C-alpha atoms as a PDB file:
ATOM      1  CA  MET A   1     -37.460 137.704  68.691  1.00  0.00           C
ATOM      2  CA  SER A   2     -33.933 137.922  67.321  1.00  0.00           C
ATOM      3  CA  THR A   3     -32.223 134.864  65.763  1.00  0.00           C
ATOM      4  CA  HIS A   4     -29.212 135.342  67.953  1.00  0.00           C
ATOM      5  CA  GLU A   5     -30.555 134.507  71.254  1.00  0.00           C
ATOM      6  CA  LYS A   6     -28.324 134.866  74.227  1.00  0.00           C
ATOM      7  CA  GLN A   7     -27.326 131.643  75.751  1.00  0.00           C
ATOM      8  CA  PRO A   8     -27.561 131.238  79.407  1.00  0.00           C
ATOM      9  CA  PRO A   9     -24.286 131.799  81.347  1.00  0.00           C
ATOM     10  CA  GLU A  10     -24.226 128.212  82.592  1.00  0.00           C
ATOM     11  CA  LEU A  11     -24.066 126.863  79.074  1.00  0.00           C
ATOM     12  CA  GLY A  12     -21.070 129.107  78.058  1.00  0.00           C
ATOM     13  CA  GLY A  13     -19.020 128.128  81.100  1.00  0.00           C
ATOM     14  CA  THR A  14     -19.536 124.513  80.368  1.00  0.00           C
ATOM     15  CA  ARG A  15     -18.210 124.870  76.828  1.00  0.00           C
ATOM     16  CA  ARG A  16     -15.052 126.702  77.975  1.00  0.00           C
ATOM     17  CA  THR A  17     -14.317 124.023  80.504  1.00  0.00           C
ATOM     18  CA  ARG A  18     -14.700 121.349  77.852  1.00  0.00           C
ATOM     19  CA  ASN A  19     -12.301 123.190  75.536  1.00  0.00           C
ATOM     20  CA  VAL A  20      -9.644 123.469  78.238  1.00  0.00           C
ATOM     21  CA  VAL A  21      -9.925 119.777  78.948  1.00  0.00           C
ATOM     22  CA  LEU A  22      -9.592 118.971  75.260  1.00  0.00           C
ATOM     23  CA  LEU A  23      -6.493 121.143  74.984  1.00  0.00           C
ATOM     24  CA  ALA A  24      -4.950 119.467  78.003  1.00  0.00           C
ATOM     25  CA  VAL A  25      -5.695 116.054  76.609  1.00  0.00           C
ATOM     26  CA  ALA A  26      -4.150 117.048  73.257  1.00  0.00           C
ATOM     27  CA  ALA A  27      -1.009 118.320  74.997  1.00  0.00           C
ATOM     28  CA  VAL A  28      -0.676 115.087  76.911  1.00  0.00           C
ATOM     29  CA  VAL A  29      -1.086 113.142  73.690  1.00  0.00           C
ATOM     30  CA  VAL A  30       1.578 115.233  71.924  1.00  0.00           C
ATOM     31  CA  ILE A  31       4.008 114.841  74.816  1.00  0.00           C
ATOM     32  CA  GLY A  32       3.337 111.133  74.911  1.00  0.00           C
ATOM     33  CA  LEU A  33       3.921 110.777  71.197  1.00  0.00           C
ATOM     34  CA  ALA A  34       7.167 112.753  71.428  1.00  0.00           C
ATOM     35  CA  THR A  35       8.392 110.630  74.333  1.00  0.00           C
ATOM     36  CA  ALA A  36       7.501 107.455  72.507  1.00  0.00           C
ATOM     37  CA  GLY A  37       9.411 108.650  69.463  1.00  0.00           C
ATOM     38  CA  ILE A  38      12.522 109.331  71.522  1.00  0.00           C
ATOM     39  CA  TRP A  39      12.386 105.923  73.149  1.00  0.00           C
ATOM     40  CA  TRP A  40      11.843 104.262  69.779  1.00  0.00           C
ATOM     41  CA  GLY A  41      14.885 106.051  68.357  1.00  0.00           C
ATOM     42  CA  VAL A  42      17.035 105.024  71.276  1.00  0.00           C
ATOM     43  CA  ALA A  43      15.874 101.458  70.964  1.00  0.00           C
ATOM     44  CA  ASN A  44      16.748 101.380  67.247  1.00  0.00           C
ATOM     45  CA  GLY A  45      20.098 103.150  67.601  1.00  0.00           C
ATOM     46  CA  SER A  46      19.062 106.252  65.633  1.00  0.00           C
ATOM     47  CA  ALA A  47      19.412 108.600  68.580  1.00  0.00           C
ATOM     48  CA  SER A  48      22.822 109.428  69.921  1.00  0.00           C
ATOM     49  CA  SER A  49      23.606 109.635  73.581  1.00  0.00           C
ATOM     50  CA  PRO A  50      24.588 113.100  74.843  1.00  0.00           C
ATOM     51  CA  VAL A  51      27.858 111.716  76.156  1.00  0.00           C
ATOM     52  CA  ALA A  52      29.619 109.122  74.018  1.00  0.00           C
ATOM     53  CA  ALA A  53      30.711 106.112  75.958  1.00  0.00           C
ATOM     54  CA  GLU A  54      34.386 105.556  75.709  1.00  0.00           C
ATOM     55  CA  SER A  55      35.253 102.007  74.776  1.00  0.00           C
ATOM     56  CA  PRO A  56      38.492 100.701  76.210  1.00  0.00           C
ATOM     57  CA  SER A  57      41.143 100.740  73.509  1.00  0.00           C
ATOM     58  CA  SER A  58      42.673  97.408  72.644  1.00  0.00           C
ATOM     59  CA  PRO A  59      46.333  97.180  73.598  1.00  0.00           C
ATOM     60  CA  ALA A  60      48.714  97.567  70.630  1.00  0.00           C
ATOM     61  CA  PRO A  61      50.283  94.269  69.614  1.00  0.00           C
ATOM     62  CA  ALA A  62      53.878  93.861  70.671  1.00  0.00           C
ATOM     63  CA  PRO A  63      56.296  94.560  67.818  1.00  0.00           C
ATOM     64  CA  HIS A  64      57.648  91.417  66.232  1.00  0.00           C
ATOM     65  CA  SER A  65      61.420  91.370  66.023  1.00  0.00           C
ATOM     66  CA  SER A  66      62.879  89.859  62.862  1.00  0.00           C
ATOM     67  CA  ALA A  67      66.374  89.686  64.297  1.00  0.00           C
ATOM     68  CA  SER A  68      67.621  86.216  64.996  1.00  0.00           C
ATOM     69  CA  PRO A  69      68.501  85.515  68.604  1.00  0.00           C
ATOM     70  CA  THR A  70      72.179  85.937  69.367  1.00  0.00           C
ATOM     71  CA  PRO A  71      73.728  82.508  69.841  1.00  0.00           C
ATOM     72  CA  SER A  72      75.365  82.043  73.171  1.00  0.00           C
ATOM     73  CA  ALA A  73      79.117  81.545  73.216  1.00  0.00           C
ATOM     74  CA  PRO A  74      80.126  77.892  73.513  1.00  0.00           C
ATOM     75  CA  LYS A  75      81.410  76.921  76.885  1.00  0.00           C
ATOM     76  CA  PRO A  76      85.157  76.330  76.923  1.00  0.00           C
ATOM     77  CA  SER A  77      86.132  72.737  77.129  1.00  0.00           C
ATOM     78  CA  THR A  78      87.524  71.706  80.466  1.00  0.00           C
ATOM     79  CA  ALA A  79      89.153  68.589  79.061  1.00  0.00           C
ATOM     80  CA  LYS A  80      92.911  68.663  79.349  1.00  0.00           C
ATOM     81  CA  PRO A  81      94.914  67.828  76.224  1.00  0.00           C
ATOM     82  CA  ALA A  82      96.748  64.584  76.285  1.00  0.00           C
ATOM     83  CA  PRO A  83     100.429  65.066  77.078  1.00  0.00           C
ATOM     84  CA  THR A  84     102.734  64.737  74.132  1.00  0.00           C
ATOM     85  CA  ALA A  85     106.273  63.501  74.225  1.00  0.00           C
ATOM     86  CA  THR A  86     108.851  66.223  73.667  1.00  0.00           C
ATOM     87  CA  SER A  87     112.215  65.346  72.285  1.00  0.00           C
ATOM     88  CA  LYS A  88     115.057  67.622  71.335  1.00  0.00           C
ATOM     89  CA  PRO A  89     115.721  67.415  67.591  1.00  0.00           C
ATOM     90  CA  THR A  90     119.183  66.316  66.698  1.00  0.00           C
ATOM     91  CA  ALA A  91     118.959  67.596  63.122  1.00  0.00           C
ATOM     92  CA  GLN A  92     120.312  70.977  62.144  1.00  0.00           C
ATOM     93  CA  PRO A  93     117.598  73.643  61.576  1.00  0.00           C
ATOM     94  CA  GLY A  94     117.196  74.744  57.959  1.00  0.00           C
ATOM     95  CA  ALA A  95     117.147  78.297  56.638  1.00  0.00           C
ATOM     96  CA  ALA A  96     113.348  78.458  57.089  1.00  0.00           C
ATOM     97  CA  GLY A  97     113.539  77.105  60.651  1.00  0.00           C
ATOM     98  CA  ALA A  98     112.683  73.490  59.709  1.00  0.00           C
ATOM     99  CA  ALA A  99     114.822  70.641  60.987  1.00  0.00           C
ATOM    100  CA  LEU A 100     116.955  68.894  58.373  1.00  0.00           C
ATOM    101  CA  PRO A 101     118.519  65.473  58.855  1.00  0.00           C
ATOM    102  CA  GLN A 102     122.283  65.645  58.869  1.00  0.00           C
ATOM    103  CA  ARG A 103     125.315  63.473  59.222  1.00  0.00           C
ATOM    104  CA  GLU A 104     127.599  63.573  62.218  1.00  0.00           C
ATOM    105  CA  PRO A 105     129.493  66.907  62.148  1.00  0.00           C
ATOM    106  CA  ILE A 106     133.001  66.819  60.734  1.00  0.00           C
ATOM    107  CA  ALA A 107     135.889  69.279  60.948  1.00  0.00           C
ATOM    108  CA  LEU A 108     135.850  72.261  58.617  1.00  0.00           C
ATOM    109  CA  SER A 109     138.909  71.055  56.716  1.00  0.00           C
ATOM    110  CA  THR A 110     137.737  67.446  56.260  1.00  0.00           C
ATOM    111  CA  LYS A 111     137.198  66.001  52.784  1.00  0.00           C
ATOM    112  CA  THR A 112     134.036  63.895  52.531  1.00  0.00           C
ATOM    113  CA  THR A 113     131.982  62.061  49.931  1.00  0.00           C
ATOM    114  CA  VAL A 114     128.766  63.695  48.781  1.00  0.00           C
ATOM    115  CA  ASP A 115     127.090  61.217  46.441  1.00  0.00           C
ATOM    116  CA  LYS A 116     128.069  58.792  43.650  1.00  0.00           C
ATOM    117  CA  GLY A 117     131.734  59.199  44.474  1.00  0.00           C
ATOM    118  CA  VAL A 118     131.622  63.017  44.282  1.00  0.00           C
ATOM    119  CA  THR A 119     133.586  64.611  47.118  1.00  0.00           C
ATOM    120  CA  VAL A 120     133.492  68.072  48.714  1.00  0.00           C
ATOM    121  CA  THR A 121     136.216  70.003  50.498  1.00  0.00           C
ATOM    122  CA  MET A 122     136.093  73.395  52.225  1.00  0.00           C
ATOM    123  CA  SER A 123     138.891  75.900  51.637  1.00  0.00           C
ATOM    124  CA  LYS A 124     139.697  79.559  52.163  1.00  0.00           C
ATOM    125  CA  LEU A 125     137.526  80.151  55.234  1.00  0.00           C
ATOM    126  CA  GLU A 126     138.051  83.814  56.177  1.00  0.00           C
ATOM    127  CA  ALA A 127     136.472  86.863  57.801  1.00  0.00           C
ATOM    128  CA  VAL A 128     135.179  89.607  55.520  1.00  0.00           C
ATOM    129  CA  LYS A 129     132.981  92.673  55.586  1.00  0.00           C
ATOM    130  CA  GLY A 130     129.761  91.498  53.997  1.00  0.00           C
ATOM    131  CA  GLU A 131     128.257  93.500  51.128  1.00  0.00           C
ATOM    132  CA  ALA A 132     124.518  93.730  50.542  1.00  0.00           C
ATOM    133  CA  SER A 133     123.176  94.069  47.004  1.00  0.00           C
ATOM    134  CA  GLY A 134     120.259  91.621  46.828  1.00  0.00           C
ATOM    135  CA  PRO A 135     116.746  92.000  48.263  1.00  0.00           C
ATOM    136  CA  GLY A 136     116.574  91.553  52.039  1.00  0.00           C
ATOM    137  CA  GLU A 137     120.347  91.546  52.498  1.00  0.00           C
ATOM    138  CA  VAL A 138     122.010  93.500  55.301  1.00  0.00           C
ATOM    139  CA  ALA A 139     125.715  94.347  55.121  1.00  0.00           C
ATOM    140  CA  GLY A 140     127.892  93.580  58.125  1.00  0.00           C
ATOM    141  CA  PRO A 141     130.507  91.243  59.626  1.00  0.00           C
ATOM    142  CA  ALA A 142     130.579  87.993  57.661  1.00  0.00           C
ATOM    143  CA  ILE A 143     132.556  84.892  56.811  1.00  0.00           C
ATOM    144  CA  ARG A 144     133.498  83.688  53.337  1.00  0.00           C
ATOM    145  CA  PHE A 145     134.453  80.163  52.281  1.00  0.00           C
ATOM    146  CA  THR A 146     134.851  78.106  49.132  1.00  0.00           C
ATOM    147  CA  LEU A 147     133.568  74.579  48.529  1.00  0.00           C
ATOM    148  CA  VAL A 148     135.294  72.397  45.922  1.00  0.00           C
ATOM    149  CA  PHE A 149     133.341  69.490  44.398  1.00  0.00           C
ATOM    150  CA  ALA A 150     135.341  66.764  42.595  1.00  0.00           C
ATOM    151  CA  ASN A 151     133.725  64.233  40.279  1.00  0.00           C
ATOM    152  CA  PRO A 152     136.003  61.214  39.627  1.00  0.00           C
ATOM    153  CA  GLY A 153     133.243  59.280  37.843  1.00  0.00           C
ATOM    154  CA  ALA A 154     132.813  58.595  34.132  1.00  0.00           C
ATOM    155  CA  ALA A 155     129.538  60.571  33.929  1.00  0.00           C
ATOM    156  CA  ALA A 156     128.655  64.164  34.652  1.00  0.00           C
ATOM    157  CA  TYR A 157     127.117  64.891  38.045  1.00  0.00           C
ATOM    158  CA  GLY A 158     124.110  67.193  38.291  1.00  0.00           C
ATOM    159  CA  SER A 159     124.693  69.632  41.111  1.00  0.00           C
ATOM    160  CA  GLN A 160     121.489  71.686  40.896  1.00  0.00           C
ATOM    161  CA  PRO A 161     119.932  70.115  44.049  1.00  0.00           C
ATOM    162  CA  ILE A 162     122.896  71.224  46.187  1.00  0.00           C
ATOM    163  CA  VAL A 163     121.972  73.847  48.805  1.00  0.00           C
ATOM    164  CA  VAL A 164     124.501  75.373  51.235  1.00  0.00           C
ATOM    165  CA  ASN A 165     123.563  77.005  54.558  1.00  0.00           C
ATOM    166  CA  ALA A 166     125.431  78.328  57.598  1.00  0.00           C
ATOM    167  CA  TYR A 167     124.610  78.563  61.323  1.00  0.00           C
ATOM    168  CA  TYR A 168     126.375  80.047  64.302  1.00  0.00           C
ATOM    169  CA  GLY A 169     126.391  80.047  68.106  1.00  0.00           C
ATOM    170  CA  GLN A 170     125.155  77.530  70.628  1.00  0.00           C
ATOM    171  CA  ASP A 171     121.585  77.937  69.364  1.00  0.00           C
ATOM    172  CA  ASN A 172     122.539  77.306  65.744  1.00  0.00           C
ATOM    173  CA  THR A 173     121.117  80.614  64.576  1.00  0.00           C
ATOM    174  CA  PRO A 174     120.659  80.689  60.771  1.00  0.00           C
ATOM    175  CA  ALA A 175     123.153  82.993  59.057  1.00  0.00           C
ATOM    176  CA  LEU A 176     121.917  85.241  56.234  1.00  0.00           C
ATOM    177  CA  PRO A 177     123.544  84.829  52.808  1.00  0.00           C
ATOM    178  CA  LEU A 178     125.081  87.861  51.096  1.00  0.00           C
ATOM    179  CA  SER A 179     125.965  88.677  47.495  1.00  0.00           C
ATOM    180  CA  GLY A 180     129.514  89.769  48.281  1.00  0.00           C
ATOM    181  CA  PRO A 181     132.272  90.280  48.334  1.00  0.00           C
ATOM    182  CA  GLY A 182     133.328  87.611  45.854  1.00  0.00           C
ATOM    183  CA  ALA A 183     130.350  85.258  46.125  1.00  0.00           C
ATOM    184  CA  THR A 184     129.902  82.851  43.180  1.00  0.00           C
ATOM    185  CA  THR A 185     127.441  80.096  42.260  1.00  0.00           C
ATOM    186  CA  LEU A 186     128.058  76.402  41.609  1.00  0.00           C
ATOM    187  CA  ALA A 187     127.772  75.109  38.050  1.00  0.00           C
ATOM    188  CA  ALA A 188     124.626  73.129  37.276  1.00  0.00           C
ATOM    189  CA  SER A 189     126.686  70.106  36.272  1.00  0.00           C
ATOM    190  CA  ILE A 190     130.138  68.814  37.170  1.00  0.00           C
ATOM    191  CA  PRO A 191     131.769  67.084  34.156  1.00  0.00           C
ATOM    192  CA  ALA A 192     133.265  63.618  34.506  1.00  0.00           C
ATOM    193  CA  HIS A 193     136.820  63.520  35.834  1.00  0.00           C
ATOM    194  CA  SER A 194     136.548  67.203  36.707  1.00  0.00           C
ATOM    195  CA  SER A 195     135.779  69.555  39.570  1.00  0.00           C
ATOM    196  CA  ALA A 196     133.809  72.731  40.240  1.00  0.00           C
ATOM    197  CA  SER A 197     133.800  75.252  43.056  1.00  0.00           C
ATOM    198  CA  ALA A 198     131.610  77.988  44.513  1.00  0.00           C
ATOM    199  CA  THR A 199     132.260  80.761  47.049  1.00  0.00           C
ATOM    200  CA  TYR A 200     129.698  81.649  49.735  1.00  0.00           C
ATOM    201  CA  VAL A 201     129.343  84.659  52.076  1.00  0.00           C
ATOM    202  CA  PHE A 202     127.199  84.586  55.243  1.00  0.00           C
ATOM    203  CA  THR A 203     126.662  87.159  57.979  1.00  0.00           C
ATOM    204  CA  VAL A 204     128.069  85.895  61.273  1.00  0.00           C
ATOM    205  CA  PRO A 205     128.663  88.183  64.292  1.00  0.00           C
ATOM    206  CA  GLU A 206     132.286  88.174  65.408  1.00  0.00           C
ATOM    207  CA  ASP A 207     131.396  87.165  68.971  1.00  0.00           C
ATOM    208  CA  GLN A 208     129.426  84.122  67.690  1.00  0.00           C
ATOM    209  CA  ARG A 209     132.160  82.512  65.578  1.00  0.00           C
ATOM    210  CA  GLY A 210     133.388  80.088  68.225  1.00  0.00           C
ATOM    211  CA  SER A 211     130.957  77.484  66.821  1.00  0.00           C
ATOM    212  CA  VAL A 212     129.992  77.665  63.153  1.00  0.00           C
ATOM    213  CA  THR A 213     128.191  74.927  61.220  1.00  0.00           C
ATOM    214  CA  ILE A 214     128.095  74.799  57.414  1.00  0.00           C
ATOM    215  CA  THR A 215     125.711  72.294  55.835  1.00  0.00           C
ATOM    216  CA  VAL A 216     125.647  70.885  52.295  1.00  0.00           C
ATOM    217  CA  ASP A 217     122.250  69.473  51.371  1.00  0.00           C
ATOM    218  CA  TYR A 218     122.646  67.560  48.108  1.00  0.00           C
ATOM    219  CA  GLN A 219     119.519  65.411  47.840  1.00  0.00           C
ATOM    220  CA  ALA A 220     115.976  65.606  49.261  1.00  0.00           C
ATOM    221  CA  GLY A 221     115.593  63.207  52.172  1.00  0.00           C
ATOM    222  CA  ALA A 222     119.319  62.430  52.398  1.00  0.00           C
ATOM    223  CA  PRO A 223     121.238  63.539  55.515  1.00  0.00           C
ATOM    224  CA  ALA A 224     123.097  66.778  54.853  1.00  0.00           C
ATOM    225  CA  ILE A 225     126.853  67.079  55.261  1.00  0.00           C
ATOM    226  CA  ALA A 226     127.736  69.220  58.306  1.00  0.00           C
ATOM    227  CA  PHE A 227     131.110  70.974  58.628  1.00  0.00           C
ATOM    228  CA  GLN A 228     131.596  72.352  62.108  1.00  0.00           C
ATOM    229  CA  GLY A 229     134.279  74.363  63.902  1.00  0.00           C
ATOM    230  CA  ALA A 230     135.502  77.855  64.775  1.00  0.00           C
ATOM    231  CA  ALA A 231     135.629  80.590  62.132  1.00  0.00           C
ATOM    232  CA  PRO A 232     138.217  83.410  62.028  1.00  0.00           C
ATOM    233  CA  LYS A 233     137.272  86.810  63.433  1.00  0.00           C
END
């Protein structure tokens, strides 16, 4: 009898069935292990989701302005100013528009005392054609006059503070001084028992010569002498 004896057909079928079952069980085990691995990875964050979840973006912070707020304009005051008393100045306006105290006007030909016995007299008031040679001067119709200062005292009289101005018309408009023709300046000092004179030229329109005022200011704070009258045309 041979060593390789044929097995009965029943026994071979049983073995094949057992092998198929074992293979099926192994497949189930492999699938189970694979599924468990996937779940373990998901649980530990190692596996990525097929579709990434979009997280809502945080809103951007509002830009911070470094500019200072614009201050609001102050509301205008509704309080009414207290009324002030208005009085018409009686002093003659100066060359710069300021009011100067003056004496009562006197006639153009009147002789009057200036200070410390020194007297002043106007002479040779006439109409001339003014000449302009200094800065700001404008040539045109003008008047020219001479003032004579007499010092009867025993001491010299300083005449440097003396300032002469002219005005014309009802509004006492300041007349502009001119360098000519024939204008001269007063000496700085008038010797004792002596006299000195100076000639002045001012622009005065011919139609405004009905009232002309000529002032002699000889000391700060003292009322100026005021000659007043009509000038020749």
